[in-house]
Amino acid sequence: SEARAADNFSLSVDAPKEAKVGQPARALLRLVPRGKYHVNLRYPIAVVLRPPAGVELPKVRLGAADGQVSEQEARFDIAFTPKDAGTKVFTGEFKFSVCTAEKCDIKKEKIAWTTAAR
């Protein structure tokens, strides 16, 4: 899993190291605000995925309705199915905003993970 922490949020991707060809698998993307910050529910949160060749995704663009989004955290289950064997490197972007009572920060963070399909 890949994790990143900043002063005002932490971001993690928990993905399987291995997946079976033809079997659905899932990665969990999780955003947790830190300190006085909360997830900005008015900002159009978006996850844009760039799947590798040989992998099928039901959706490559996820919005708030596709996840569980509250002021305390945002979680997205990212479903994918490997169609052939090999090392699959997923990349994408996560756009979100975290706020305090005084200010909001708009973020565009890169996300990535690797799963071996067997």
PDB file of N, CA and C in Angstrom:
ATOM      1  N   SER A   1       0.843  -1.190   0.000  1.00  0.00           N
ATOM      2  CA  SER A   1       0.000   0.000   0.000  1.00  0.00           C
ATOM      3  C   SER A   1       0.877   1.238   0.000  1.00  0.00           C
ATOM      4  N   GLU A   2       0.375   2.272  -0.624  1.00  0.00           N
ATOM      5  CA  GLU A   2       1.111   3.532  -0.682  1.00  0.00           C
ATOM      6  C   GLU A   2       0.410   4.523   0.225  1.00  0.00           C
ATOM      7  N   ALA A   3       1.168   5.288   0.981  1.00  0.00           N
ATOM      8  CA  ALA A   3       0.566   6.275   1.873  1.00  0.00           C
ATOM      9  C   ALA A   3       1.327   7.589   1.769  1.00  0.00           C
ATOM     10  N   ARG A   4       0.614   8.689   1.937  1.00  0.00           N
ATOM     11  CA  ARG A   4       1.222  10.008   1.913  1.00  0.00           C
ATOM     12  C   ARG A   4       0.581  10.833   3.009  1.00  0.00           C
ATOM     13  N   ALA A   5       1.384  11.598   3.714  1.00  0.00           N
ATOM     14  CA  ALA A   5       0.842  12.440   4.780  1.00  0.00           C
ATOM     15  C   ALA A   5       1.324  13.869   4.581  1.00  0.00           C
ATOM     16  N   ALA A   6       0.419  14.793   4.772  1.00  0.00           N
ATOM     17  CA  ALA A   6       0.736  16.218   4.760  1.00  0.00           C
ATOM     18  C   ALA A   6       0.249  16.790   6.084  1.00  0.00           C
ATOM     19  N   ASP A   7       0.452  18.093   6.282  1.00  0.00           N
ATOM     20  CA  ASP A   7       0.002  18.714   7.531  1.00  0.00           C
ATOM     21  C   ASP A   7      -1.509  18.577   7.715  1.00  0.00           C
ATOM     22  N   ASN A   8      -2.233  18.650   6.588  1.00  0.00           N
ATOM     23  CA  ASN A   8      -3.687  18.727   6.714  1.00  0.00           C
ATOM     24  C   ASN A   8      -4.451  17.504   6.211  1.00  0.00           C
ATOM     25  N   PHE A   9      -3.765  16.483   5.740  1.00  0.00           N
ATOM     26  CA  PHE A   9      -4.452  15.256   5.334  1.00  0.00           C
ATOM     27  C   PHE A   9      -3.468  14.099   5.235  1.00  0.00           C
ATOM     28  N   SER A  10      -4.019  12.875   5.265  1.00  0.00           N
ATOM     29  CA  SER A  10      -3.230  11.707   4.883  1.00  0.00           C
ATOM     30  C   SER A  10      -4.022  10.954   3.826  1.00  0.00           C
ATOM     31  N   LEU A  11      -3.283  10.341   2.923  1.00  0.00           N
ATOM     32  CA  LEU A  11      -3.860   9.668   1.765  1.00  0.00           C
ATOM     33  C   LEU A  11      -3.219   8.296   1.674  1.00  0.00           C
ATOM     34  N   SER A  12      -4.026   7.261   1.493  1.00  0.00           N
ATOM     35  CA  SER A  12      -3.449   5.925   1.349  1.00  0.00           C
ATOM     36  C   SER A  12      -4.197   5.120   0.301  1.00  0.00           C
ATOM     37  N   VAL A  13      -3.466   4.213  -0.341  1.00  0.00           N
ATOM     38  CA  VAL A  13      -4.052   3.250  -1.270  1.00  0.00           C
ATOM     39  C   VAL A  13      -3.668   1.871  -0.759  1.00  0.00           C
ATOM     40  N   ASP A  14      -4.674   1.089  -0.433  1.00  0.00           N
ATOM     41  CA  ASP A  14      -4.444  -0.270   0.038  1.00  0.00           C
ATOM     42  C   ASP A  14      -4.901  -1.204  -1.081  1.00  0.00           C
ATOM     43  N   ALA A  15      -3.943  -1.792  -1.781  1.00  0.00           N
ATOM     44  CA  ALA A  15      -4.254  -2.618  -2.955  1.00  0.00           C
ATOM     45  C   ALA A  15      -3.611  -3.989  -2.807  1.00  0.00           C
ATOM     46  N   PRO A  16      -4.222  -5.007  -3.408  1.00  0.00           N
ATOM     47  CA  PRO A  16      -3.628  -6.342  -3.308  1.00  0.00           C
ATOM     48  C   PRO A  16      -2.303  -6.428  -4.070  1.00  0.00           C
ATOM     49  N   LYS A  17      -1.343  -7.156  -3.493  1.00  0.00           N
ATOM     50  CA  LYS A  17      -0.052  -7.364  -4.169  1.00  0.00           C
ATOM     51  C   LYS A  17      -0.248  -8.259  -5.395  1.00  0.00           C
ATOM     52  N   GLU A  18      -1.208  -9.199  -5.261  1.00  0.00           N
ATOM     53  CA  GLU A  18      -1.483 -10.125  -6.364  1.00  0.00           C
ATOM     54  C   GLU A  18      -2.981 -10.220  -6.595  1.00  0.00           C
ATOM     55  N   ALA A  19      -3.339 -10.474  -7.848  1.00  0.00           N
ATOM     56  CA  ALA A  19      -4.742 -10.712  -8.202  1.00  0.00           C
ATOM     57  C   ALA A  19      -4.760 -11.813  -9.258  1.00  0.00           C
ATOM     58  N   LYS A  20      -5.869 -12.540  -9.308  1.00  0.00           N
ATOM     59  CA  LYS A  20      -6.003 -13.620 -10.291  1.00  0.00           C
ATOM     60  C   LYS A  20      -6.595 -13.076 -11.590  1.00  0.00           C
ATOM     61  N   VAL A  21      -6.056 -13.530 -12.700  1.00  0.00           N
ATOM     62  CA  VAL A  21      -6.593 -13.140 -14.001  1.00  0.00           C
ATOM     63  C   VAL A  21      -8.058 -13.566 -14.075  1.00  0.00           C
ATOM     64  N   GLY A  22      -8.907 -12.641 -14.515  1.00  0.00           N
ATOM     65  CA  GLY A  22     -10.326 -12.926 -14.671  1.00  0.00           C
ATOM     66  C   GLY A  22     -11.148 -12.802 -13.407  1.00  0.00           C
ATOM     67  N   GLN A  23     -10.486 -12.538 -12.256  1.00  0.00           N
ATOM     68  CA  GLN A  23     -11.198 -12.409 -10.979  1.00  0.00           C
ATOM     69  C   GLN A  23     -11.223 -10.938 -10.554  1.00  0.00           C
ATOM     70  N   PRO A  24     -12.382 -10.432 -10.156  1.00  0.00           N
ATOM     71  CA  PRO A  24     -12.434  -9.045  -9.690  1.00  0.00           C
ATOM     72  C   PRO A  24     -11.588  -8.844  -8.430  1.00  0.00           C
ATOM     73  N   ALA A  25     -10.937  -7.708  -8.357  1.00  0.00           N
ATOM     74  CA  ALA A  25     -10.145  -7.336  -7.180  1.00  0.00           C
ATOM     75  C   ALA A  25     -10.501  -5.889  -6.859  1.00  0.00           C
ATOM     76  N   ARG A  26     -10.034  -5.412  -5.687  1.00  0.00           N
ATOM     77  CA  ARG A  26     -10.315  -4.016  -5.366  1.00  0.00           C
ATOM     78  C   ARG A  26      -9.188  -3.380  -4.575  1.00  0.00           C
ATOM     79  N   ALA A  27      -9.044  -2.097  -4.815  1.00  0.00           N
ATOM     80  CA  ALA A  27      -8.095  -1.279  -4.060  1.00  0.00           C
ATOM     81  C   ALA A  27      -8.911  -0.268  -3.267  1.00  0.00           C
ATOM     82  N   LEU A  28      -8.443   0.072  -2.071  1.00  0.00           N
ATOM     83  CA  LEU A  28      -9.130   1.059  -1.240  1.00  0.00           C
ATOM     84  C   LEU A  28      -8.313   2.341  -1.193  1.00  0.00           C
ATOM     85  N   LEU A  29      -8.918   3.419  -1.673  1.00  0.00           N
ATOM     86  CA  LEU A  29      -8.308   4.746  -1.600  1.00  0.00           C
ATOM     87  C   LEU A  29      -8.959   5.461  -0.423  1.00  0.00           C
ATOM     88  N   ARG A  30      -8.126   6.023   0.466  1.00  0.00           N
ATOM     89  CA  ARG A  30      -8.664   6.625   1.685  1.00  0.00           C
ATOM     90  C   ARG A  30      -7.995   7.969   1.958  1.00  0.00           C
ATOM     91  N   LEU A  31      -8.824   8.976   2.168  1.00  0.00           N
ATOM     92  CA  LEU A  31      -8.379  10.318   2.532  1.00  0.00           C
ATOM     93  C   LEU A  31      -8.884  10.614   3.935  1.00  0.00           C
ATOM     94  N   VAL A  32      -7.965  11.005   4.823  1.00  0.00           N
ATOM     95  CA  VAL A  32      -8.352  11.372   6.188  1.00  0.00           C
ATOM     96  C   VAL A  32      -7.765  12.757   6.486  1.00  0.00           C
ATOM     97  N   PRO A  33      -8.632  13.734   6.770  1.00  0.00           N
ATOM     98  CA  PRO A  33      -8.115  15.058   7.132  1.00  0.00           C
ATOM     99  C   PRO A  33      -7.390  14.991   8.476  1.00  0.00           C
ATOM    100  N   ARG A  34      -6.455  15.913   8.680  1.00  0.00           N
ATOM    101  CA  ARG A  34      -5.695  15.932   9.933  1.00  0.00           C
ATOM    102  C   ARG A  34      -5.889  17.259  10.650  1.00  0.00           C
ATOM    103  N   GLY A  35      -5.684  17.220  11.962  1.00  0.00           N
ATOM    104  CA  GLY A  35      -5.773  18.449  12.760  1.00  0.00           C
ATOM    105  C   GLY A  35      -7.175  19.026  12.723  1.00  0.00           C
ATOM    106  N   LYS A  36      -7.265  20.323  12.456  1.00  0.00           N
ATOM    107  CA  LYS A  36      -8.566  21.010  12.441  1.00  0.00           C
ATOM    108  C   LYS A  36      -9.277  20.882  11.095  1.00  0.00           C
ATOM    109  N   TYR A  37      -8.676  20.173  10.159  1.00  0.00           N
ATOM    110  CA  TYR A  37      -9.246  20.096   8.809  1.00  0.00           C
ATOM    111  C   TYR A  37     -10.354  19.068   8.686  1.00  0.00           C
ATOM    112  N   HIS A  38     -11.260  19.311   7.742  1.00  0.00           N
ATOM    113  CA  HIS A  38     -12.304  18.353   7.384  1.00  0.00           C
ATOM    114  C   HIS A  38     -12.401  18.281   5.861  1.00  0.00           C
ATOM    115  N   VAL A  39     -12.998  17.202   5.357  1.00  0.00           N
ATOM    116  CA  VAL A  39     -13.225  17.080   3.916  1.00  0.00           C
ATOM    117  C   VAL A  39     -14.288  18.112   3.525  1.00  0.00           C
ATOM    118  N   ASN A  40     -14.001  18.860   2.476  1.00  0.00           N
ATOM    119  CA  ASN A  40     -14.939  19.856   1.962  1.00  0.00           C
ATOM    120  C   ASN A  40     -15.998  19.141   1.121  1.00  0.00           C
ATOM    121  N   LEU A  41     -17.203  19.020   1.657  1.00  0.00           N
ATOM    122  CA  LEU A  41     -18.273  18.290   0.974  1.00  0.00           C
ATOM    123  C   LEU A  41     -18.855  19.071  -0.200  1.00  0.00           C
ATOM    124  N   ARG A  42     -18.566  20.352  -0.272  1.00  0.00           N
ATOM    125  CA  ARG A  42     -19.078  21.154  -1.397  1.00  0.00           C
ATOM    126  C   ARG A  42     -18.154  21.083  -2.609  1.00  0.00           C
ATOM    127  N   TYR A  43     -16.915  20.664  -2.402  1.00  0.00           N
ATOM    128  CA  TYR A  43     -15.979  20.573  -3.526  1.00  0.00           C
ATOM    129  C   TYR A  43     -16.283  19.309  -4.347  1.00  0.00           C
ATOM    130  N   PRO A  44     -16.265  19.410  -5.685  1.00  0.00           N
ATOM    131  CA  PRO A  44     -16.557  18.220  -6.509  1.00  0.00           C
ATOM    132  C   PRO A  44     -15.385  17.222  -6.506  1.00  0.00           C
ATOM    133  N   ILE A  45     -15.334  16.423  -5.463  1.00  0.00           N
ATOM    134  CA  ILE A  45     -14.272  15.430  -5.280  1.00  0.00           C
ATOM    135  C   ILE A  45     -14.247  14.484  -6.485  1.00  0.00           C
ATOM    136  N   ALA A  46     -13.058  14.132  -6.957  1.00  0.00           N
ATOM    137  CA  ALA A  46     -12.962  13.270  -8.146  1.00  0.00           C
ATOM    138  C   ALA A  46     -11.709  12.413  -8.099  1.00  0.00           C
ATOM    139  N   VAL A  47     -11.871  11.166  -8.502  1.00  0.00           N
ATOM    140  CA  VAL A  47     -10.747  10.250  -8.685  1.00  0.00           C
ATOM    141  C   VAL A  47     -10.722   9.907 -10.165  1.00  0.00           C
ATOM    142  N   VAL A  48      -9.595  10.188 -10.822  1.00  0.00           N
ATOM    143  CA  VAL A  48      -9.448   9.885 -12.244  1.00  0.00           C
ATOM    144  C   VAL A  48      -8.342   8.845 -12.376  1.00  0.00           C
ATOM    145  N   LEU A  49      -8.688   7.670 -12.888  1.00  0.00           N
ATOM    146  CA  LEU A  49      -7.748   6.549 -12.949  1.00  0.00           C
ATOM    147  C   LEU A  49      -7.231   6.321 -14.357  1.00  0.00           C
ATOM    148  N   ARG A  50      -5.951   5.926 -14.432  1.00  0.00           N
ATOM    149  CA  ARG A  50      -5.360   5.514 -15.702  1.00  0.00           C
ATOM    150  C   ARG A  50      -4.944   4.056 -15.548  1.00  0.00           C
ATOM    151  N   PRO A  51      -5.856   3.139 -15.893  1.00  0.00           N
ATOM    152  CA  PRO A  51      -5.532   1.724 -15.716  1.00  0.00           C
ATOM    153  C   PRO A  51      -4.507   1.261 -16.747  1.00  0.00           C
ATOM    154  N   PRO A  52      -3.687   0.278 -16.378  1.00  0.00           N
ATOM    155  CA  PRO A  52      -2.722  -0.271 -17.328  1.00  0.00           C
ATOM    156  C   PRO A  52      -3.427  -1.150 -18.363  1.00  0.00           C
ATOM    157  N   ALA A  53      -2.700  -1.482 -19.409  1.00  0.00           N
ATOM    158  CA  ALA A  53      -3.231  -2.397 -20.431  1.00  0.00           C
ATOM    159  C   ALA A  53      -3.527  -3.751 -19.788  1.00  0.00           C
ATOM    160  N   GLY A  54      -4.579  -4.399 -20.274  1.00  0.00           N
ATOM    161  CA  GLY A  54      -4.901  -5.726 -19.773  1.00  0.00           C
ATOM    162  C   GLY A  54      -5.661  -5.726 -18.463  1.00  0.00           C
ATOM    163  N   VAL A  55      -6.252  -4.567 -18.105  1.00  0.00           N
ATOM    164  CA  VAL A  55      -7.055  -4.482 -16.883  1.00  0.00           C
ATOM    165  C   VAL A  55      -8.365  -3.784 -17.225  1.00  0.00           C
ATOM    166  N   GLU A  56      -9.454  -4.331 -16.720  1.00  0.00           N
ATOM    167  CA  GLU A  56     -10.766  -3.733 -16.940  1.00  0.00           C
ATOM    168  C   GLU A  56     -11.238  -3.054 -15.661  1.00  0.00           C
ATOM    169  N   LEU A  57     -11.714  -1.818 -15.784  1.00  0.00           N
ATOM    170  CA  LEU A  57     -12.298  -1.091 -14.655  1.00  0.00           C
ATOM    171  C   LEU A  57     -13.737  -0.741 -14.993  1.00  0.00           C
ATOM    172  N   PRO A  58     -14.678  -0.977 -14.057  1.00  0.00           N
ATOM    173  CA  PRO A  58     -16.066  -0.572 -14.307  1.00  0.00           C
ATOM    174  C   PRO A  58     -16.165   0.941 -14.527  1.00  0.00           C
ATOM    175  N   LYS A  59     -15.340   1.695 -13.796  1.00  0.00           N
ATOM    176  CA  LYS A  59     -15.346   3.157 -13.927  1.00  0.00           C
ATOM    177  C   LYS A  59     -13.916   3.663 -13.808  1.00  0.00           C
ATOM    178  N   VAL A  60     -13.562   4.625 -14.653  1.00  0.00           N
ATOM    179  CA  VAL A  60     -12.234   5.237 -14.545  1.00  0.00           C
ATOM    180  C   VAL A  60     -12.317   6.627 -13.911  1.00  0.00           C
ATOM    181  N   ARG A  61     -13.544   7.108 -13.749  1.00  0.00           N
ATOM    182  CA  ARG A  61     -13.730   8.397 -13.072  1.00  0.00           C
ATOM    183  C   ARG A  61     -14.761   8.217 -11.973  1.00  0.00           C
ATOM    184  N   LEU A  62     -14.368   8.517 -10.738  1.00  0.00           N
ATOM    185  CA  LEU A  62     -15.254   8.361  -9.588  1.00  0.00           C
ATOM    186  C   LEU A  62     -15.517   9.717  -8.954  1.00  0.00           C
ATOM    187  N   GLY A  63     -16.754   9.921  -8.555  1.00  0.00           N
ATOM    188  CA  GLY A  63     -17.130  11.137  -7.839  1.00  0.00           C
ATOM    189  C   GLY A  63     -17.613  10.782  -6.442  1.00  0.00           C
ATOM    190  N   ALA A  64     -18.094  11.776  -5.713  1.00  0.00           N
ATOM    191  CA  ALA A  64     -18.534  11.563  -4.326  1.00  0.00           C
ATOM    192  C   ALA A  64     -19.573  10.445  -4.215  1.00  0.00           C
ATOM    193  N   ALA A  65     -20.477  10.349  -5.196  1.00  0.00           N
ATOM    194  CA  ALA A  65     -21.547   9.337  -5.148  1.00  0.00           C
ATOM    195  C   ALA A  65     -21.004   7.912  -5.277  1.00  0.00           C
ATOM    196  N   ASP A  66     -19.771   7.774  -5.788  1.00  0.00           N
ATOM    197  CA  ASP A  66     -19.168   6.446  -5.969  1.00  0.00           C
ATOM    198  C   ASP A  66     -18.415   5.971  -4.734  1.00  0.00           C
ATOM    199  N   GLY A  67     -18.283   6.835  -3.748  1.00  0.00           N
ATOM    200  CA  GLY A  67     -17.538   6.471  -2.549  1.00  0.00           C
ATOM    201  C   GLY A  67     -18.353   6.722  -1.297  1.00  0.00           C
ATOM    202  N   GLN A  68     -17.660   6.682  -0.166  1.00  0.00           N
ATOM    203  CA  GLN A  68     -18.260   7.049   1.116  1.00  0.00           C
ATOM    204  C   GLN A  68     -17.533   8.306   1.548  1.00  0.00           C
ATOM    205  N   VAL A  69     -18.230   9.422   1.459  1.00  0.00           N
ATOM    206  CA  VAL A  69     -17.591  10.709   1.714  1.00  0.00           C
ATOM    207  C   VAL A  69     -18.298  11.420   2.861  1.00  0.00           C
ATOM    208  N   SER A  70     -17.534  11.756   3.892  1.00  0.00           N
ATOM    209  CA  SER A  70     -18.046  12.541   5.008  1.00  0.00           C
ATOM    210  C   SER A  70     -16.984  13.591   5.348  1.00  0.00           C
ATOM    211  N   GLU A  71     -17.283  14.454   6.290  1.00  0.00           N
ATOM    212  CA  GLU A  71     -16.283  15.455   6.687  1.00  0.00           C
ATOM    213  C   GLU A  71     -15.071  14.782   7.333  1.00  0.00           C
ATOM    214  N   GLN A  72     -15.257  13.584   7.903  1.00  0.00           N
ATOM    215  CA  GLN A  72     -14.174  12.896   8.607  1.00  0.00           C
ATOM    216  C   GLN A  72     -13.259  12.091   7.679  1.00  0.00           C
ATOM    217  N   GLU A  73     -13.807  11.588   6.569  1.00  0.00           N
ATOM    218  CA  GLU A  73     -12.972  10.816   5.645  1.00  0.00           C
ATOM    219  C   GLU A  73     -13.677  10.629   4.317  1.00  0.00           C
ATOM    220  N   ALA A  74     -12.878  10.292   3.307  1.00  0.00           N
ATOM    221  CA  ALA A  74     -13.402   9.914   1.991  1.00  0.00           C
ATOM    222  C   ALA A  74     -12.768   8.581   1.629  1.00  0.00           C
ATOM    223  N   ARG A  75     -13.616   7.600   1.280  1.00  0.00           N
ATOM    224  CA  ARG A  75     -13.133   6.255   0.924  1.00  0.00           C
ATOM    225  C   ARG A  75     -13.718   5.857  -0.421  1.00  0.00           C
ATOM    226  N   PHE A  76     -12.865   5.293  -1.242  1.00  0.00           N
ATOM    227  CA  PHE A  76     -13.317   4.789  -2.534  1.00  0.00           C
ATOM    228  C   PHE A  76     -12.825   3.360  -2.711  1.00  0.00           C
ATOM    229  N   ASP A  77     -13.756   2.456  -2.983  1.00  0.00           N
ATOM    230  CA  ASP A  77     -13.402   1.087  -3.368  1.00  0.00           C
ATOM    231  C   ASP A  77     -13.235   1.095  -4.871  1.00  0.00           C
ATOM    232  N   ILE A  78     -12.034   0.828  -5.340  1.00  0.00           N
ATOM    233  CA  ILE A  78     -11.758   0.848  -6.773  1.00  0.00           C
ATOM    234  C   ILE A  78     -11.709  -0.591  -7.269  1.00  0.00           C
ATOM    235  N   ALA A  79     -12.740  -0.978  -8.016  1.00  0.00           N
ATOM    236  CA  ALA A  79     -12.820  -2.345  -8.531  1.00  0.00           C
ATOM    237  C   ALA A  79     -12.023  -2.448  -9.831  1.00  0.00           C
ATOM    238  N   PHE A  80     -11.341  -3.584 -10.006  1.00  0.00           N
ATOM    239  CA  PHE A  80     -10.631  -3.834 -11.260  1.00  0.00           C
ATOM    240  C   PHE A  80     -10.518  -5.337 -11.488  1.00  0.00           C
ATOM    241  N   THR A  81     -10.431  -5.711 -12.763  1.00  0.00           N
ATOM    242  CA  THR A  81     -10.294  -7.124 -13.126  1.00  0.00           C
ATOM    243  C   THR A  81      -9.143  -7.273 -14.110  1.00  0.00           C
ATOM    244  N   PRO A  82      -8.061  -7.978 -13.706  1.00  0.00           N
ATOM    245  CA  PRO A  82      -6.971  -8.240 -14.653  1.00  0.00           C
ATOM    246  C   PRO A  82      -7.458  -9.198 -15.746  1.00  0.00           C
ATOM    247  N   LYS A  83      -7.143  -8.879 -16.995  1.00  0.00           N
ATOM    248  CA  LYS A  83      -7.547  -9.726 -18.118  1.00  0.00           C
ATOM    249  C   LYS A  83      -6.391 -10.592 -18.630  1.00  0.00           C
ATOM    250  N   ASP A  84      -5.172 -10.243 -18.265  1.00  0.00           N
ATOM    251  CA  ASP A  84      -4.011 -11.071 -18.620  1.00  0.00           C
ATOM    252  C   ASP A  84      -2.966 -10.961 -17.519  1.00  0.00           C
ATOM    253  N   ALA A  85      -1.999 -11.878 -17.551  1.00  0.00           N
ATOM    254  CA  ALA A  85      -0.992 -11.945 -16.486  1.00  0.00           C
ATOM    255  C   ALA A  85       0.077 -10.862 -16.662  1.00  0.00           C
ATOM    256  N   GLY A  86       0.711 -10.513 -15.565  1.00  0.00           N
ATOM    257  CA  GLY A  86       1.814  -9.557 -15.613  1.00  0.00           C
ATOM    258  C   GLY A  86       1.697  -8.526 -14.506  1.00  0.00           C
ATOM    259  N   THR A  87       2.696  -7.658 -14.444  1.00  0.00           N
ATOM    260  CA  THR A  87       2.722  -6.595 -13.445  1.00  0.00           C
ATOM    261  C   THR A  87       1.881  -5.433 -13.951  1.00  0.00           C
ATOM    262  N   LYS A  88       0.898  -5.043 -13.167  1.00  0.00           N
ATOM    263  CA  LYS A  88      -0.029  -3.976 -13.568  1.00  0.00           C
ATOM    264  C   LYS A  88       0.225  -2.744 -12.702  1.00  0.00           C
ATOM    265  N   VAL A  89       0.613  -1.659 -13.363  1.00  0.00           N
ATOM    266  CA  VAL A  89       0.911  -0.416 -12.654  1.00  0.00           C
ATOM    267  C   VAL A  89      -0.233   0.574 -12.910  1.00  0.00           C
ATOM    268  N   PHE A  90      -0.971   0.880 -11.854  1.00  0.00           N
ATOM    269  CA  PHE A  90      -2.098   1.801 -11.931  1.00  0.00           C
ATOM    270  C   PHE A  90      -1.632   3.195 -11.520  1.00  0.00           C
ATOM    271  N   THR A  91      -2.106   4.211 -12.216  1.00  0.00           N
ATOM    272  CA  THR A  91      -1.827   5.587 -11.828  1.00  0.00           C
ATOM    273  C   THR A  91      -3.125   6.386 -11.924  1.00  0.00           C
ATOM    274  N   GLY A  92      -3.100   7.563 -11.346  1.00  0.00           N
ATOM    275  CA  GLY A  92      -4.274   8.410 -11.416  1.00  0.00           C
ATOM    276  C   GLY A  92      -4.091   9.667 -10.601  1.00  0.00           C
ATOM    277  N   GLU A  93      -5.182  10.408 -10.496  1.00  0.00           N
ATOM    278  CA  GLU A  93      -5.194  11.659  -9.751  1.00  0.00           C
ATOM    279  C   GLU A  93      -6.401  11.690  -8.843  1.00  0.00           C
ATOM    280  N   PHE A  94      -6.216  12.292  -7.688  1.00  0.00           N
ATOM    281  CA  PHE A  94      -7.293  12.448  -6.715  1.00  0.00           C
ATOM    282  C   PHE A  94      -7.427  13.939  -6.448  1.00  0.00           C
ATOM    283  N   LYS A  95      -8.586  14.496  -6.792  1.00  0.00           N
ATOM    284  CA  LYS A  95      -8.834  15.923  -6.600  1.00  0.00           C
ATOM    285  C   LYS A  95      -9.822  16.079  -5.445  1.00  0.00           C
ATOM    286  N   PHE A  96      -9.431  16.870  -4.475  1.00  0.00           N
ATOM    287  CA  PHE A  96     -10.274  17.055  -3.296  1.00  0.00           C
ATOM    288  C   PHE A  96      -9.919  18.371  -2.621  1.00  0.00           C
ATOM    289  N   SER A  97     -10.698  18.713  -1.605  1.00  0.00           N
ATOM    290  CA  SER A  97     -10.434  19.923  -0.839  1.00  0.00           C
ATOM    291  C   SER A  97     -10.627  19.617   0.636  1.00  0.00           C
ATOM    292  N   VAL A  98      -9.730  20.144   1.454  1.00  0.00           N
ATOM    293  CA  VAL A  98      -9.861  20.042   2.912  1.00  0.00           C
ATOM    294  C   VAL A  98      -9.900  21.459   3.483  1.00  0.00           C
ATOM    295  N   CYS A  99     -10.715  21.627   4.519  1.00  0.00           N
ATOM    296  CA  CYS A  99     -10.946  22.973   5.066  1.00  0.00           C
ATOM    297  C   CYS A  99     -10.833  22.997   6.581  1.00  0.00           C
ATOM    298  N   THR A 100     -10.548  24.202   7.091  1.00  0.00           N
ATOM    299  CA  THR A 100     -10.771  24.524   8.502  1.00  0.00           C
ATOM    300  C   THR A 100     -11.905  25.549   8.493  1.00  0.00           C
ATOM    301  N   ALA A 101     -12.250  26.066   9.647  1.00  0.00           N
ATOM    302  CA  ALA A 101     -13.278  27.113   9.712  1.00  0.00           C
ATOM    303  C   ALA A 101     -12.820  28.365   8.959  1.00  0.00           C
ATOM    304  N   GLU A 102     -11.490  28.557   8.860  1.00  0.00           N
ATOM    305  CA  GLU A 102     -10.957  29.788   8.260  1.00  0.00           C
ATOM    306  C   GLU A 102     -10.621  29.668   6.775  1.00  0.00           C
ATOM    307  N   LYS A 103     -10.131  28.498   6.359  1.00  0.00           N
ATOM    308  CA  LYS A 103      -9.623  28.419   4.978  1.00  0.00           C
ATOM    309  C   LYS A 103      -9.794  27.028   4.395  1.00  0.00           C
ATOM    310  N   CYS A 104      -9.735  26.979   3.067  1.00  0.00           N
ATOM    311  CA  CYS A 104      -9.811  25.705   2.349  1.00  0.00           C
ATOM    312  C   CYS A 104      -8.577  25.541   1.470  1.00  0.00           C
ATOM    313  N   ASP A 105      -8.102  24.316   1.378  1.00  0.00           N
ATOM    314  CA  ASP A 105      -7.000  23.981   0.471  1.00  0.00           C
ATOM    315  C   ASP A 105      -7.549  23.044  -0.588  1.00  0.00           C
ATOM    316  N   ILE A 106      -7.287  23.366  -1.849  1.00  0.00           N
ATOM    317  CA  ILE A 106      -7.684  22.485  -2.947  1.00  0.00           C
ATOM    318  C   ILE A 106      -6.446  21.689  -3.353  1.00  0.00           C
ATOM    319  N   LYS A 107      -6.616  20.376  -3.446  1.00  0.00           N
ATOM    320  CA  LYS A 107      -5.482  19.489  -3.701  1.00  0.00           C
ATOM    321  C   LYS A 107      -5.698  18.669  -4.966  1.00  0.00           C
ATOM    322  N   LYS A 108      -4.596  18.364  -5.629  1.00  0.00           N
ATOM    323  CA  LYS A 108      -4.601  17.437  -6.759  1.00  0.00           C
ATOM    324  C   LYS A 108      -3.407  16.513  -6.538  1.00  0.00           C
ATOM    325  N   GLU A 109      -3.684  15.315  -6.012  1.00  0.00           N
ATOM    326  CA  GLU A 109      -2.618  14.395  -5.622  1.00  0.00           C
ATOM    327  C   GLU A 109      -2.531  13.215  -6.579  1.00  0.00           C
ATOM    328  N   LYS A 110      -1.311  12.808  -6.876  1.00  0.00           N
ATOM    329  CA  LYS A 110      -1.116  11.610  -7.710  1.00  0.00           C
ATOM    330  C   LYS A 110      -1.337  10.371  -6.843  1.00  0.00           C
ATOM    331  N   ILE A 111      -1.969   9.363  -7.437  1.00  0.00           N
ATOM    332  CA  ILE A 111      -2.119   8.074  -6.755  1.00  0.00           C
ATOM    333  C   ILE A 111      -1.540   6.988  -7.659  1.00  0.00           C
ATOM    334  N   ALA A 112      -1.044   5.921  -7.058  1.00  0.00           N
ATOM    335  CA  ALA A 112      -0.447   4.829  -7.833  1.00  0.00           C
ATOM    336  C   ALA A 112      -0.391   3.565  -6.999  1.00  0.00           C
ATOM    337  N   TRP A 113      -0.496   2.436  -7.678  1.00  0.00           N
ATOM    338  CA  TRP A 113      -0.240   1.167  -7.025  1.00  0.00           C
ATOM    339  C   TRP A 113       0.094   0.126  -8.076  1.00  0.00           C
ATOM    340  N   THR A 114       0.707  -0.970  -7.614  1.00  0.00           N
ATOM    341  CA  THR A 114       1.114  -2.066  -8.493  1.00  0.00           C
ATOM    342  C   THR A 114       0.511  -3.367  -7.975  1.00  0.00           C
ATOM    343  N   THR A 115      -0.110  -4.100  -8.875  1.00  0.00           N
ATOM    344  CA  THR A 115      -0.651  -5.422  -8.551  1.00  0.00           C
ATOM    345  C   THR A 115      -0.152  -6.403  -9.598  1.00  0.00           C
ATOM    346  N   ALA A 116       0.323  -7.553  -9.155  1.00  0.00           N
ATOM    347  CA  ALA A 116       0.767  -8.595 -10.090  1.00  0.00           C
ATOM    348  C   ALA A 116      -0.422  -9.497 -10.404  1.00  0.00           C
ATOM    349  N   ALA A 117      -0.721  -9.655 -11.681  1.00  0.00           N
ATOM    350  CA  ALA A 117      -1.821 -10.528 -12.102  1.00  0.00           C
ATOM    351  C   ALA A 117      -1.234 -11.886 -12.483  1.00  0.00           C
ATOM    352  N   ARG A 118      -1.826 -12.968 -11.932  1.00  0.00           N
ATOM    353  CA  ARG A 118      -1.313 -14.311 -12.178  1.00  0.00           C
ATOM    354  C   ARG A 118      -2.406 -15.242 -12.637  1.00  0.00           C
TER     355      ARG A 118
END
